[in-house]
C-alpha atoms as a PDB file:
ATOM      1  CA  UNK A   1       0.065   0.008   0.006  1.00  0.00           C
ATOM      2  CA  UNK A   2       1.403   3.400  -0.972  1.00  0.00           C
ATOM      3  CA  UNK A   3       0.184   6.652   0.566  1.00  0.00           C
ATOM      4  CA  UNK A   4       1.154   9.980  -0.876  1.00  0.00           C
ATOM      5  CA  UNK A   5       1.850  13.143   0.749  1.00  0.00           C
ATOM      6  CA  UNK A   6       1.911  16.957   0.218  1.00  0.00           C
ATOM      7  CA  UNK A   7       2.523  19.918   2.312  1.00  0.00           C
ATOM      8  CA  UNK A   8       0.034  22.645   3.238  1.00  0.00           C
ATOM      9  CA  UNK A   9       0.890  24.454  -0.014  1.00  0.00           C
ATOM     10  CA  UNK A  10      -0.066  21.341  -1.877  1.00  0.00           C
ATOM     11  CA  UNK A  11       3.457  20.540  -2.997  1.00  0.00           C
ATOM     12  CA  UNK A  12       4.205  16.771  -3.296  1.00  0.00           C
ATOM     13  CA  UNK A  13       6.597  15.515  -0.670  1.00  0.00           C
ATOM     14  CA  UNK A  14       6.712  11.774  -1.458  1.00  0.00           C
ATOM     15  CA  UNK A  15       5.113   8.602  -0.440  1.00  0.00           C
ATOM     16  CA  UNK A  16       5.127   5.944   2.223  1.00  0.00           C
ATOM     17  CA  UNK A  17       4.882   2.276   1.398  1.00  0.00           C
ATOM     18  CA  UNK A  18       4.507  -0.672   3.715  1.00  0.00           C
ATOM     19  CA  UNK A  19       2.946  -4.106   3.422  1.00  0.00           C
ATOM     20  CA  UNK A  20       2.221  -3.997   7.293  1.00  0.00           C
ATOM     21  CA  UNK A  21       0.960  -1.496   9.511  1.00  0.00           C
ATOM     22  CA  UNK A  22      -1.419   0.278   7.184  1.00  0.00           C
ATOM     23  CA  UNK A  23      -5.139  -0.232   7.288  1.00  0.00           C
ATOM     24  CA  UNK A  24      -6.947  -1.870   4.308  1.00  0.00           C
ATOM     25  CA  UNK A  25      -7.751   1.158   2.230  1.00  0.00           C
ATOM     26  CA  UNK A  26      -9.266  -0.474  -0.832  1.00  0.00           C
ATOM     27  CA  UNK A  27     -11.710   2.232  -1.274  1.00  0.00           C
ATOM     28  CA  UNK A  28      -9.965   5.181  -3.235  1.00  0.00           C
ATOM     29  CA  UNK A  29     -12.199   7.734  -1.544  1.00  0.00           C
ATOM     30  CA  UNK A  30     -10.651   6.738   1.853  1.00  0.00           C
ATOM     31  CA  UNK A  31      -7.201   7.278   0.456  1.00  0.00           C
ATOM     32  CA  UNK A  32      -8.075  10.766  -0.729  1.00  0.00           C
ATOM     33  CA  UNK A  33      -9.675  11.556   2.666  1.00  0.00           C
ATOM     34  CA  UNK A  34      -7.017  10.339   5.161  1.00  0.00           C
ATOM     35  CA  UNK A  35      -4.212   7.866   5.457  1.00  0.00           C
ATOM     36  CA  UNK A  36      -3.517   6.560   8.909  1.00  0.00           C
ATOM     37  CA  UNK A  37      -0.322   5.308  10.453  1.00  0.00           C
ATOM     38  CA  UNK A  38       0.414   3.500  13.686  1.00  0.00           C
ATOM     39  CA  UNK A  39       3.913   4.989  13.953  1.00  0.00           C
ATOM     40  CA  UNK A  40       5.709   7.251  16.342  1.00  0.00           C
ATOM     41  CA  UNK A  41       6.479   9.826  13.693  1.00  0.00           C
ATOM     42  CA  UNK A  42       4.396  10.727  10.353  1.00  0.00           C
ATOM     43  CA  UNK A  43       6.500   9.155   7.512  1.00  0.00           C
ATOM     44  CA  UNK A  44       7.737  11.692   5.078  1.00  0.00           C
ATOM     45  CA  UNK A  45       5.208  14.368   5.980  1.00  0.00           C
ATOM     46  CA  UNK A  46       6.574  17.483   7.666  1.00  0.00           C
ATOM     47  CA  UNK A  47       4.836  18.343  10.878  1.00  0.00           C
ATOM     48  CA  UNK A  48       2.116  20.854   9.866  1.00  0.00           C
ATOM     49  CA  UNK A  49      -1.617  20.913   9.625  1.00  0.00           C
ATOM     50  CA  UNK A  50      -1.566  17.953   7.102  1.00  0.00           C
ATOM     51  CA  UNK A  51      -0.092  15.595   9.714  1.00  0.00           C
ATOM     52  CA  UNK A  52      -2.380  15.037  12.905  1.00  0.00           C
ATOM     53  CA  UNK A  53      -1.806  12.627  15.717  1.00  0.00           C
ATOM     54  CA  UNK A  54      -5.065  11.235  17.258  1.00  0.00           C
ATOM     55  CA  UNK A  55      -4.929   8.499  19.874  1.00  0.00           C
ATOM     56  CA  UNK A  56      -1.499   7.382  18.794  1.00  0.00           C
ATOM     57  CA  UNK A  57      -2.523   7.192  15.078  1.00  0.00           C
ATOM     58  CA  UNK A  58      -1.051   9.569  12.572  1.00  0.00           C
ATOM     59  CA  UNK A  59      -3.615  10.895  10.069  1.00  0.00           C
ATOM     60  CA  UNK A  60      -2.579  12.698   6.915  1.00  0.00           C
ATOM     61  CA  UNK A  61      -5.406  14.582   5.044  1.00  0.00           C
ATOM     62  CA  UNK A  62      -5.092  14.355   1.331  1.00  0.00           C
ATOM     63  CA  UNK A  63      -8.124  16.036  -0.294  1.00  0.00           C
ATOM     64  CA  UNK A  64      -9.086  15.687  -3.997  1.00  0.00           C
ATOM     65  CA  UNK A  65      -7.523  19.007  -5.024  1.00  0.00           C
ATOM     66  CA  UNK A  66      -4.198  18.189  -3.385  1.00  0.00           C
ATOM     67  CA  UNK A  67      -4.320  14.670  -4.845  1.00  0.00           C
ATOM     68  CA  UNK A  68      -4.441  16.240  -8.337  1.00  0.00           C
ATOM     69  CA  UNK A  69      -1.639  18.545  -7.403  1.00  0.00           C
ATOM     70  CA  UNK A  70       0.328  15.411  -6.315  1.00  0.00           C
ATOM     71  CA  UNK A  71      -0.470  13.630  -9.555  1.00  0.00           C
ATOM     72  CA  UNK A  72       0.742  16.637 -11.584  1.00  0.00           C
ATOM     73  CA  UNK A  73       3.940  16.911  -9.564  1.00  0.00           C
ATOM     74  CA  UNK A  74       4.749  13.240  -9.841  1.00  0.00           C
ATOM     75  CA  UNK A  75       4.046  13.274 -13.627  1.00  0.00           C
ATOM     76  CA  UNK A  76       6.360  16.236 -14.022  1.00  0.00           C
ATOM     77  CA  UNK A  77       9.178  14.439 -11.849  1.00  0.00           C
ATOM     78  CA  UNK A  78       8.741  11.341 -14.003  1.00  0.00           C
ATOM     79  CA  UNK A  79       8.925  13.208 -17.238  1.00  0.00           C
ATOM     80  CA  UNK A  80      11.791  15.395 -16.102  1.00  0.00           C
ATOM     81  CA  UNK A  81      13.735  12.398 -15.024  1.00  0.00           C
ATOM     82  CA  UNK A  82      13.201  10.702 -18.393  1.00  0.00           C
ATOM     83  CA  UNK A  83      14.198  13.816 -20.158  1.00  0.00           C
ATOM     84  CA  UNK A  84      17.413  14.021 -18.195  1.00  0.00           C
ATOM     85  CA  UNK A  85      18.207  10.361 -18.801  1.00  0.00           C
ATOM     86  CA  UNK A  86      17.671  10.875 -22.586  1.00  0.00           C
ATOM     87  CA  UNK A  87      19.825  13.992 -22.647  1.00  0.00           C
ATOM     88  CA  UNK A  88      22.712  12.172 -20.792  1.00  0.00           C
ATOM     89  CA  UNK A  89      22.507   9.172 -22.980  1.00  0.00           C
ATOM     90  CA  UNK A  90      22.525  11.253 -26.215  1.00  0.00           C
ATOM     91  CA  UNK A  91      25.218  13.565 -24.797  1.00  0.00           C
ATOM     92  CA  UNK A  92      27.392  10.402 -24.084  1.00  0.00           C
ATOM     93  CA  UNK A  93      26.827   9.143 -27.521  1.00  0.00           C
ATOM     94  CA  UNK A  94      27.928  12.221 -29.425  1.00  0.00           C
ATOM     95  CA  UNK A  95      30.079  14.285 -27.060  1.00  0.00           C
ATOM     96  CA  UNK A  96      33.352  12.963 -28.331  1.00  0.00           C
ATOM     97  CA  UNK A  97      32.672  14.548 -31.706  1.00  0.00           C
ATOM     98  CA  UNK A  98      32.841  18.289 -32.336  1.00  0.00           C
ATOM     99  CA  UNK A  99      29.549  19.960 -33.690  1.00  0.00           C
ATOM    100  CA  UNK A 100      30.975  20.511 -37.112  1.00  0.00           C
ATOM    101  CA  UNK A 101      31.882  16.891 -37.424  1.00  0.00           C
ATOM    102  CA  UNK A 102      28.334  15.933 -36.328  1.00  0.00           C
ATOM    103  CA  UNK A 103      26.813  18.367 -38.793  1.00  0.00           C
ATOM    104  CA  UNK A 104      28.672  16.574 -41.590  1.00  0.00           C
ATOM    105  CA  UNK A 105      27.204  13.069 -40.639  1.00  0.00           C
ATOM    106  CA  UNK A 106      24.109  13.382 -42.812  1.00  0.00           C
ATOM    107  CA  UNK A 107      26.197  14.427 -45.831  1.00  0.00           C
ATOM    108  CA  UNK A 108      28.661  11.658 -45.232  1.00  0.00           C
ATOM    109  CA  UNK A 109      25.939   9.005 -45.056  1.00  0.00           C
ATOM    110  CA  UNK A 110      24.229  10.451 -48.191  1.00  0.00           C
ATOM    111  CA  UNK A 111      27.480  10.185 -49.978  1.00  0.00           C
ATOM    112  CA  UNK A 112      28.335   6.759 -48.676  1.00  0.00           C
ATOM    113  CA  UNK A 113      24.876   5.434 -49.846  1.00  0.00           C
ATOM    114  CA  UNK A 114      25.410   7.022 -53.328  1.00  0.00           C
ATOM    115  CA  UNK A 115      28.844   5.512 -53.618  1.00  0.00           C
ATOM    116  CA  UNK A 116      27.772   2.106 -52.593  1.00  0.00           C
ATOM    117  CA  UNK A 117      24.888   2.334 -55.079  1.00  0.00           C
ATOM    118  CA  UNK A 118      27.246   3.666 -57.875  1.00  0.00           C
ATOM    119  CA  UNK A 119      31.052   4.143 -57.127  1.00  0.00           C
ATOM    120  CA  UNK A 120      31.155   6.772 -59.789  1.00  0.00           C
ATOM    121  CA  UNK A 121      28.874   9.028 -57.762  1.00  0.00           C
ATOM    122  CA  UNK A 122      30.179  12.387 -56.673  1.00  0.00           C
ATOM    123  CA  UNK A 123      31.282  12.396 -53.023  1.00  0.00           C
ATOM    124  CA  UNK A 124      33.095  15.663 -52.452  1.00  0.00           C
ATOM    125  CA  UNK A 125      33.017  15.768 -48.677  1.00  0.00           C
ATOM    126  CA  UNK A 126      34.109  12.120 -48.412  1.00  0.00           C
ATOM    127  CA  UNK A 127      36.803  12.533 -50.953  1.00  0.00           C
ATOM    128  CA  UNK A 128      38.504  15.265 -48.837  1.00  0.00           C
ATOM    129  CA  UNK A 129      38.088  13.197 -45.777  1.00  0.00           C
ATOM    130  CA  UNK A 130      39.743  10.219 -47.274  1.00  0.00           C
ATOM    131  CA  UNK A 131      42.442  12.265 -48.889  1.00  0.00           C
ATOM    132  CA  UNK A 132      43.510  14.039 -45.792  1.00  0.00           C
ATOM    133  CA  UNK A 133      43.539  10.846 -43.735  1.00  0.00           C
ATOM    134  CA  UNK A 134      45.181   8.751 -46.432  1.00  0.00           C
ATOM    135  CA  UNK A 135      42.765   5.801 -46.224  1.00  0.00           C
ATOM    136  CA  UNK A 136      40.820   3.782 -48.854  1.00  0.00           C
ATOM    137  CA  UNK A 137      37.570   5.377 -49.995  1.00  0.00           C
ATOM    138  CA  UNK A 138      35.531   2.096 -50.047  1.00  0.00           C
ATOM    139  CA  UNK A 139      36.772   1.161 -46.548  1.00  0.00           C
ATOM    140  CA  UNK A 140      35.790   4.549 -45.266  1.00  0.00           C
ATOM    141  CA  UNK A 141      32.419   4.320 -46.917  1.00  0.00           C
ATOM    142  CA  UNK A 142      31.826   1.030 -45.058  1.00  0.00           C
ATOM    143  CA  UNK A 143      32.803   2.620 -41.813  1.00  0.00           C
ATOM    144  CA  UNK A 144      30.306   5.462 -42.283  1.00  0.00           C
ATOM    145  CA  UNK A 145      27.589   3.032 -42.901  1.00  0.00           C
ATOM    146  CA  UNK A 146      28.445   0.987 -39.924  1.00  0.00           C
ATOM    147  CA  UNK A 147      28.683   4.024 -37.567  1.00  0.00           C
ATOM    148  CA  UNK A 148      25.412   5.335 -38.832  1.00  0.00           C
ATOM    149  CA  UNK A 149      23.740   1.969 -37.997  1.00  0.00           C
ATOM    150  CA  UNK A 150      25.422   1.935 -34.533  1.00  0.00           C
ATOM    151  CA  UNK A 151      24.266   5.484 -33.884  1.00  0.00           C
ATOM    152  CA  UNK A 152      20.717   4.801 -35.033  1.00  0.00           C
ATOM    153  CA  UNK A 153      20.527   1.629 -32.826  1.00  0.00           C
ATOM    154  CA  UNK A 154      21.850   3.480 -29.792  1.00  0.00           C
ATOM    155  CA  UNK A 155      19.783   6.590 -30.289  1.00  0.00           C
ATOM    156  CA  UNK A 156      16.736   4.555 -31.125  1.00  0.00           C
ATOM    157  CA  UNK A 157      17.062   2.539 -27.826  1.00  0.00           C
ATOM    158  CA  UNK A 158      17.477   5.834 -25.790  1.00  0.00           C
ATOM    159  CA  UNK A 159      14.595   7.651 -27.475  1.00  0.00           C
ATOM    160  CA  UNK A 160      12.510   4.515 -27.357  1.00  0.00           C
ATOM    161  CA  UNK A 161      12.925   4.349 -23.533  1.00  0.00           C
ATOM    162  CA  UNK A 162      11.917   8.063 -23.249  1.00  0.00           C
ATOM    163  CA  UNK A 163       8.784   7.492 -25.386  1.00  0.00           C
ATOM    164  CA  UNK A 164       7.913   4.391 -23.314  1.00  0.00           C
ATOM    165  CA  UNK A 165       7.911   6.644 -20.164  1.00  0.00           C
ATOM    166  CA  UNK A 166       5.769   9.185 -21.999  1.00  0.00           C
ATOM    167  CA  UNK A 167       3.427   6.538 -23.028  1.00  0.00           C
ATOM    168  CA  UNK A 168       3.271   5.070 -19.444  1.00  0.00           C
ATOM    169  CA  UNK A 169       2.450   8.522 -18.235  1.00  0.00           C
ATOM    170  CA  UNK A 170      -0.411   8.894 -20.785  1.00  0.00           C
ATOM    171  CA  UNK A 171      -1.767   5.483 -19.658  1.00  0.00           C
ATOM    172  CA  UNK A 172      -1.514   6.338 -15.949  1.00  0.00           C
ATOM    173  CA  UNK A 173      -3.586   9.352 -16.676  1.00  0.00           C
ATOM    174  CA  UNK A 174      -6.478   7.188 -17.605  1.00  0.00           C
ATOM    175  CA  UNK A 175      -6.631   5.360 -14.273  1.00  0.00           C
ATOM    176  CA  UNK A 176      -8.319   6.234 -10.991  1.00  0.00           C
ATOM    177  CA  UNK A 177      -6.211   8.948  -9.135  1.00  0.00           C
ATOM    178  CA  UNK A 178      -4.812   6.282  -6.612  1.00  0.00           C
ATOM    179  CA  UNK A 179      -3.838   3.877  -9.423  1.00  0.00           C
ATOM    180  CA  UNK A 180      -2.289   6.761 -11.435  1.00  0.00           C
ATOM    181  CA  UNK A 181      -0.089   7.822  -8.560  1.00  0.00           C
ATOM    182  CA  UNK A 182       1.142   4.208  -8.138  1.00  0.00           C
ATOM    183  CA  UNK A 183       1.691   3.804 -11.825  1.00  0.00           C
ATOM    184  CA  UNK A 184       3.633   7.182 -12.009  1.00  0.00           C
ATOM    185  CA  UNK A 185       5.906   6.221  -9.146  1.00  0.00           C
ATOM    186  CA  UNK A 186       6.515   2.816 -10.711  1.00  0.00           C
ATOM    187  CA  UNK A 187       7.723   4.646 -13.850  1.00  0.00           C
ATOM    188  CA  UNK A 188      10.552   6.142 -11.793  1.00  0.00           C
END
């Protein structure tokens, strides 16, 4: 069972999860009204008007408006984390190459494909690259194709993971509020 918390301003603070010590709150309306704890301290929640100790039981009131704020906050956290991961992965993939070289990749690939289709095709950029490096043109063309395929596979996997998270967020938004919160946290 997970219970989600926000402060008096409606800012999401986190969640508490336990398989023991929580009452059965199968009805989502109960979760949006109050979550109860038999603990000495309220988990995660700061001591403010949201956390109240009654007869040794902590109650944390989470009304529907706050629950919506929590969902929005969690959604943004998940999406932001996914964007940061994608940015890191893409940066790691291309950071060892200067921008001007990366800008030439589409031209190199187009010239390599043209050359492989017809070895008399004009390839001015690649001609300069192989001449300055003193390597065989056909070997270089094969390397261009191979590196392009490697880039596409690696970038595709990273972008695919990001899109999977976005799809998961969209799917979570079709669930009840309680299930949506659990689904969003699981995406992290």
